[in-house]
N, C-alpha and C. Protein backbone atom coordinates (compact mmCIF):
# COMPACT_ATOMS: atom_id res chain seq x y z
N MET A 1 103.75 69.87 59.95
CA MET A 1 103.65 69.48 58.56
C MET A 1 104.24 68.09 58.34
N ASP A 2 105.30 67.78 59.06
CA ASP A 2 105.90 66.46 58.91
C ASP A 2 104.90 65.37 59.32
N PHE A 3 104.09 65.73 60.32
CA PHE A 3 103.10 64.77 60.80
C PHE A 3 102.11 64.42 59.68
N LEU A 4 101.63 65.45 58.95
CA LEU A 4 100.69 65.21 57.86
C LEU A 4 101.35 64.41 56.74
N LYS A 5 102.60 64.70 56.45
CA LYS A 5 103.30 63.97 55.39
C LYS A 5 103.48 62.51 55.77
N LYS A 6 103.73 62.26 57.06
CA LYS A 6 103.87 60.87 57.53
C LYS A 6 102.55 60.12 57.33
N ILE A 7 101.45 60.82 57.66
CA ILE A 7 100.13 60.18 57.51
C ILE A 7 99.85 59.93 56.03
N GLN A 8 100.18 60.88 55.17
CA GLN A 8 99.93 60.72 53.74
C GLN A 8 100.73 59.57 53.14
N LYS A 9 101.88 59.28 53.71
CA LYS A 9 102.71 58.19 53.19
C LYS A 9 102.23 56.82 53.67
N GLN A 10 101.37 56.79 54.65
CA GLN A 10 100.87 55.51 55.18
C GLN A 10 99.95 54.85 54.15
N PRO A 11 99.79 53.53 54.23
CA PRO A 11 98.84 52.84 53.35
C PRO A 11 97.41 53.29 53.65
N GLU A 12 96.53 53.05 52.69
CA GLU A 12 95.16 53.55 52.82
C GLU A 12 94.44 53.00 54.04
N ASN A 13 94.64 51.73 54.35
CA ASN A 13 93.94 51.16 55.51
C ASN A 13 94.38 51.81 56.82
N ILE A 14 95.63 52.19 56.93
CA ILE A 14 96.12 52.88 58.13
C ILE A 14 95.52 54.29 58.19
N ARG A 15 95.46 54.99 57.05
CA ARG A 15 94.87 56.33 57.01
C ARG A 15 93.40 56.29 57.40
N LEU A 16 92.69 55.25 56.94
CA LEU A 16 91.28 55.12 57.32
C LEU A 16 91.11 54.87 58.81
N MET A 17 92.00 54.05 59.37
CA MET A 17 91.94 53.80 60.81
C MET A 17 92.20 55.08 61.59
N ILE A 18 93.18 55.88 61.14
CA ILE A 18 93.46 57.16 61.80
C ILE A 18 92.26 58.09 61.68
N LEU A 19 91.64 58.15 60.49
CA LEU A 19 90.46 58.98 60.28
C LEU A 19 89.35 58.59 61.24
N TRP A 20 89.04 57.31 61.32
CA TRP A 20 87.96 56.86 62.20
C TRP A 20 88.31 57.10 63.67
N ALA A 21 89.55 56.94 64.04
CA ALA A 21 89.95 57.19 65.43
C ALA A 21 89.75 58.66 65.78
N VAL A 22 90.15 59.55 64.87
CA VAL A 22 89.97 60.99 65.11
C VAL A 22 88.49 61.32 65.20
N LEU A 23 87.68 60.79 64.30
CA LEU A 23 86.24 61.04 64.34
C LEU A 23 85.61 60.54 65.63
N ILE A 24 86.02 59.38 66.09
CA ILE A 24 85.47 58.83 67.34
C ILE A 24 85.85 59.71 68.52
N VAL A 25 87.10 60.16 68.56
CA VAL A 25 87.54 61.03 69.66
C VAL A 25 86.76 62.34 69.65
N ILE A 26 86.59 62.94 68.48
CA ILE A 26 85.83 64.19 68.39
C ILE A 26 84.38 63.95 68.81
N GLY A 27 83.80 62.83 68.39
CA GLY A 27 82.42 62.49 68.78
C GLY A 27 82.28 62.33 70.28
N ILE A 28 83.24 61.68 70.89
CA ILE A 28 83.19 61.48 72.35
C ILE A 28 83.30 62.83 73.06
N ILE A 29 84.19 63.69 72.58
CA ILE A 29 84.34 65.01 73.21
C ILE A 29 83.03 65.80 73.09
N LEU A 30 82.42 65.80 71.92
CA LEU A 30 81.15 66.52 71.74
C LEU A 30 80.05 65.92 72.63
N PHE A 31 80.01 64.60 72.74
CA PHE A 31 79.01 63.94 73.58
C PHE A 31 79.20 64.35 75.04
N VAL A 32 80.43 64.40 75.51
CA VAL A 32 80.70 64.78 76.90
C VAL A 32 80.24 66.22 77.15
N PHE A 33 80.56 67.14 76.22
CA PHE A 33 80.10 68.52 76.38
C PHE A 33 78.58 68.59 76.40
N TRP A 34 77.92 67.81 75.55
CA TRP A 34 76.46 67.81 75.50
C TRP A 34 75.87 67.32 76.82
N VAL A 35 76.45 66.23 77.36
CA VAL A 35 75.95 65.67 78.62
C VAL A 35 76.14 66.68 79.75
N LEU A 36 77.31 67.30 79.82
CA LEU A 36 77.57 68.29 80.88
C LEU A 36 76.61 69.48 80.77
N HIS A 37 76.38 69.94 79.58
CA HIS A 37 75.45 71.05 79.38
C HIS A 37 74.03 70.65 79.78
N SER A 38 73.64 69.43 79.43
CA SER A 38 72.29 68.95 79.79
C SER A 38 72.14 68.84 81.30
N VAL A 39 73.16 68.34 81.97
CA VAL A 39 73.10 68.22 83.43
C VAL A 39 72.96 69.60 84.06
N ARG A 40 73.74 70.57 83.57
CA ARG A 40 73.63 71.94 84.10
C ARG A 40 72.24 72.52 83.84
N ALA A 41 71.70 72.26 82.67
CA ALA A 41 70.37 72.79 82.34
C ALA A 41 69.30 72.19 83.24
N VAL A 42 69.39 70.88 83.50
CA VAL A 42 68.41 70.23 84.37
C VAL A 42 68.56 70.73 85.80
N ASN A 43 69.78 70.90 86.26
CA ASN A 43 70.00 71.39 87.63
C ASN A 43 69.55 72.83 87.81
N SER A 44 69.62 73.63 86.78
CA SER A 44 69.22 75.03 86.91
C SER A 44 67.72 75.23 86.69
N PHE A 45 67.03 74.15 86.37
CA PHE A 45 65.59 74.23 86.15
C PHE A 45 64.89 74.54 87.46
N SER A 46 64.05 75.56 87.44
CA SER A 46 63.34 75.97 88.64
C SER A 46 61.87 75.60 88.48
N LYS A 47 61.42 74.67 89.30
CA LYS A 47 60.03 74.24 89.21
C LYS A 47 59.07 75.35 89.64
N SER A 48 59.48 76.17 90.57
CA SER A 48 58.59 77.21 91.06
C SER A 48 58.33 78.28 90.00
N ASN A 49 59.30 78.55 89.16
CA ASN A 49 59.14 79.58 88.13
C ASN A 49 58.70 78.99 86.79
N PHE A 50 58.42 77.72 86.77
CA PHE A 50 58.12 77.05 85.50
C PHE A 50 56.93 77.69 84.80
N PHE A 51 55.83 77.88 85.53
CA PHE A 51 54.63 78.44 84.92
C PHE A 51 54.82 79.91 84.55
N GLU A 52 55.61 80.62 85.34
CA GLU A 52 55.90 82.01 85.00
C GLU A 52 56.73 82.08 83.72
N GLN A 53 57.69 81.17 83.58
CA GLN A 53 58.54 81.16 82.39
C GLN A 53 57.74 80.77 81.15
N LEU A 54 56.74 79.93 81.32
CA LEU A 54 55.92 79.50 80.19
C LEU A 54 54.90 80.55 79.77
N ASN A 55 54.66 81.53 80.63
CA ASN A 55 53.64 82.55 80.37
C ASN A 55 52.27 81.89 80.13
N VAL A 56 51.86 81.07 81.07
CA VAL A 56 50.60 80.34 80.95
C VAL A 56 49.43 81.30 80.84
N SER A 57 49.48 82.41 81.56
CA SER A 57 48.37 83.36 81.49
C SER A 57 48.23 83.93 80.08
N ASP A 58 49.37 84.19 79.41
CA ASP A 58 49.31 84.67 78.02
C ASP A 58 48.73 83.61 77.11
N MET A 59 49.12 82.35 77.36
CA MET A 59 48.60 81.26 76.53
C MET A 59 47.09 81.12 76.72
N LYS A 60 46.63 81.24 77.97
CA LYS A 60 45.19 81.15 78.23
C LYS A 60 44.45 82.25 77.50
N ALA A 61 44.99 83.46 77.54
CA ALA A 61 44.34 84.58 76.85
C ALA A 61 44.30 84.33 75.35
N ASP A 62 45.38 83.80 74.79
CA ASP A 62 45.41 83.50 73.35
C ASP A 62 44.40 82.43 72.99
N VAL A 63 44.31 81.40 73.82
CA VAL A 63 43.35 80.32 73.57
C VAL A 63 41.93 80.85 73.66
N ASN A 64 41.65 81.65 74.68
CA ASN A 64 40.31 82.21 74.83
C ASN A 64 39.95 83.09 73.64
N LYS A 65 40.89 83.89 73.17
CA LYS A 65 40.65 84.75 72.01
C LYS A 65 40.38 83.89 70.78
N SER A 66 41.15 82.82 70.61
CA SER A 66 40.95 81.94 69.46
C SER A 66 39.58 81.27 69.53
N VAL A 67 39.17 80.85 70.71
CA VAL A 67 37.86 80.21 70.87
C VAL A 67 36.75 81.21 70.53
N GLU A 68 36.90 82.43 71.00
CA GLU A 68 35.90 83.46 70.68
C GLU A 68 35.85 83.74 69.17
N ASP A 69 37.02 83.76 68.53
CA ASP A 69 37.06 83.96 67.08
C ASP A 69 36.34 82.83 66.35
N VAL A 70 36.56 81.60 66.79
CA VAL A 70 35.90 80.45 66.16
C VAL A 70 34.39 80.54 66.36
N LYS A 71 33.96 80.91 67.57
CA LYS A 71 32.53 81.05 67.83
C LYS A 71 31.92 82.12 66.94
N GLN A 72 32.61 83.23 66.78
CA GLN A 72 32.12 84.32 65.93
C GLN A 72 32.02 83.86 64.49
N LYS A 73 33.03 83.14 64.00
CA LYS A 73 33.01 82.64 62.62
C LYS A 73 31.86 81.66 62.43
N ALA A 74 31.62 80.80 63.41
CA ALA A 74 30.52 79.85 63.31
C ALA A 74 29.19 80.59 63.28
N GLU A 75 29.07 81.63 64.07
CA GLU A 75 27.83 82.43 64.07
C GLU A 75 27.65 83.12 62.72
N ASP A 76 28.75 83.65 62.16
CA ASP A 76 28.68 84.29 60.85
C ASP A 76 28.24 83.30 59.77
N ILE A 77 28.77 82.10 59.83
CA ILE A 77 28.39 81.07 58.86
C ILE A 77 26.92 80.72 59.00
N SER A 78 26.46 80.61 60.25
CA SER A 78 25.06 80.31 60.50
C SER A 78 24.16 81.42 59.96
N ASN A 79 24.58 82.69 60.14
CA ASN A 79 23.81 83.82 59.62
C ASN A 79 23.76 83.80 58.10
N ILE A 80 24.87 83.49 57.46
CA ILE A 80 24.91 83.42 56.00
C ILE A 80 24.00 82.30 55.51
N LYS A 81 24.04 81.18 56.20
CA LYS A 81 23.18 80.05 55.82
C LYS A 81 21.72 80.44 55.94
N GLN A 82 21.36 81.12 57.02
CA GLN A 82 19.98 81.53 57.23
C GLN A 82 19.54 82.53 56.16
N LYS A 83 20.43 83.46 55.80
CA LYS A 83 20.09 84.44 54.76
C LYS A 83 19.90 83.75 53.42
N ALA A 84 20.74 82.77 53.13
CA ALA A 84 20.60 82.02 51.88
C ALA A 84 19.27 81.28 51.84
N GLU A 85 18.88 80.66 52.96
CA GLU A 85 17.59 79.97 53.02
C GLU A 85 16.44 80.96 52.86
N ASP A 86 16.56 82.13 53.48
CA ASP A 86 15.53 83.15 53.35
C ASP A 86 15.38 83.61 51.91
N ILE A 87 16.52 83.78 51.24
CA ILE A 87 16.47 84.19 49.83
C ILE A 87 15.81 83.12 48.99
N LEU A 88 16.17 81.87 49.24
CA LEU A 88 15.59 80.77 48.46
C LEU A 88 14.10 80.61 48.73
N ASN A 89 13.66 80.96 49.92
CA ASN A 89 12.25 80.82 50.28
C ASN A 89 11.44 82.09 50.00
N ASP A 90 12.09 83.13 49.52
CA ASP A 90 11.39 84.39 49.26
C ASP A 90 10.47 84.23 48.04
N LYS A 91 9.20 84.53 48.23
CA LYS A 91 8.18 84.37 47.17
C LYS A 91 8.41 85.36 46.02
N GLU A 92 8.86 86.57 46.32
CA GLU A 92 9.08 87.56 45.27
C GLU A 92 10.17 87.10 44.31
N ILE A 93 11.20 86.49 44.83
CA ILE A 93 12.29 86.01 43.98
C ILE A 93 11.77 84.86 43.11
N GLU A 94 10.93 84.02 43.71
CA GLU A 94 10.35 82.92 42.92
C GLU A 94 9.53 83.47 41.75
N LYS A 95 8.75 84.53 42.02
CA LYS A 95 7.95 85.14 40.95
C LYS A 95 8.85 85.71 39.86
N LEU A 96 9.93 86.39 40.26
CA LEU A 96 10.86 86.97 39.29
C LEU A 96 11.50 85.88 38.43
N ILE A 97 11.88 84.79 39.07
CA ILE A 97 12.50 83.68 38.33
C ILE A 97 11.50 83.09 37.35
N GLU A 98 10.25 82.90 37.81
CA GLU A 98 9.22 82.35 36.92
C GLU A 98 8.96 83.28 35.74
N GLU A 99 8.91 84.58 36.01
CA GLU A 99 8.69 85.55 34.94
C GLU A 99 9.83 85.51 33.92
N LYS A 100 11.04 85.44 34.39
CA LYS A 100 12.18 85.38 33.48
C LYS A 100 12.17 84.10 32.66
N LEU A 101 11.78 83.01 33.29
CA LEU A 101 11.73 81.74 32.57
C LEU A 101 10.60 81.74 31.55
N ASN A 102 9.47 82.38 31.89
CA ASN A 102 8.33 82.44 30.98
C ASN A 102 8.60 83.39 29.80
N ASP A 103 9.44 84.41 30.03
CA ASP A 103 9.78 85.35 28.96
C ASP A 103 10.59 84.69 27.87
N LYS A 104 11.30 83.68 28.17
CA LYS A 104 12.14 83.02 27.19
C LYS A 104 11.34 82.13 26.37
């Protein structure tokens, strides 16, 4: 507690210097831990198990399923478009429309 009281009694510029010094030391410590952790992570990386860890076969299956879904949706859209054209080209519907228009 005496230590904190000593710091509080210091002029503002000294307190700011102490603050920045503490922040820099904490930053350096965190940076060192980050670097050490990164080095360990890179060293433990196994190239042989890389594709197994990524589950590439699962990704391929998902991509293939998505491609099939897109193809099916495109086919459905094409079928809807064709049905709409058939309806528009249907002579019976044209006659009904003409009759309704003539009735008015």
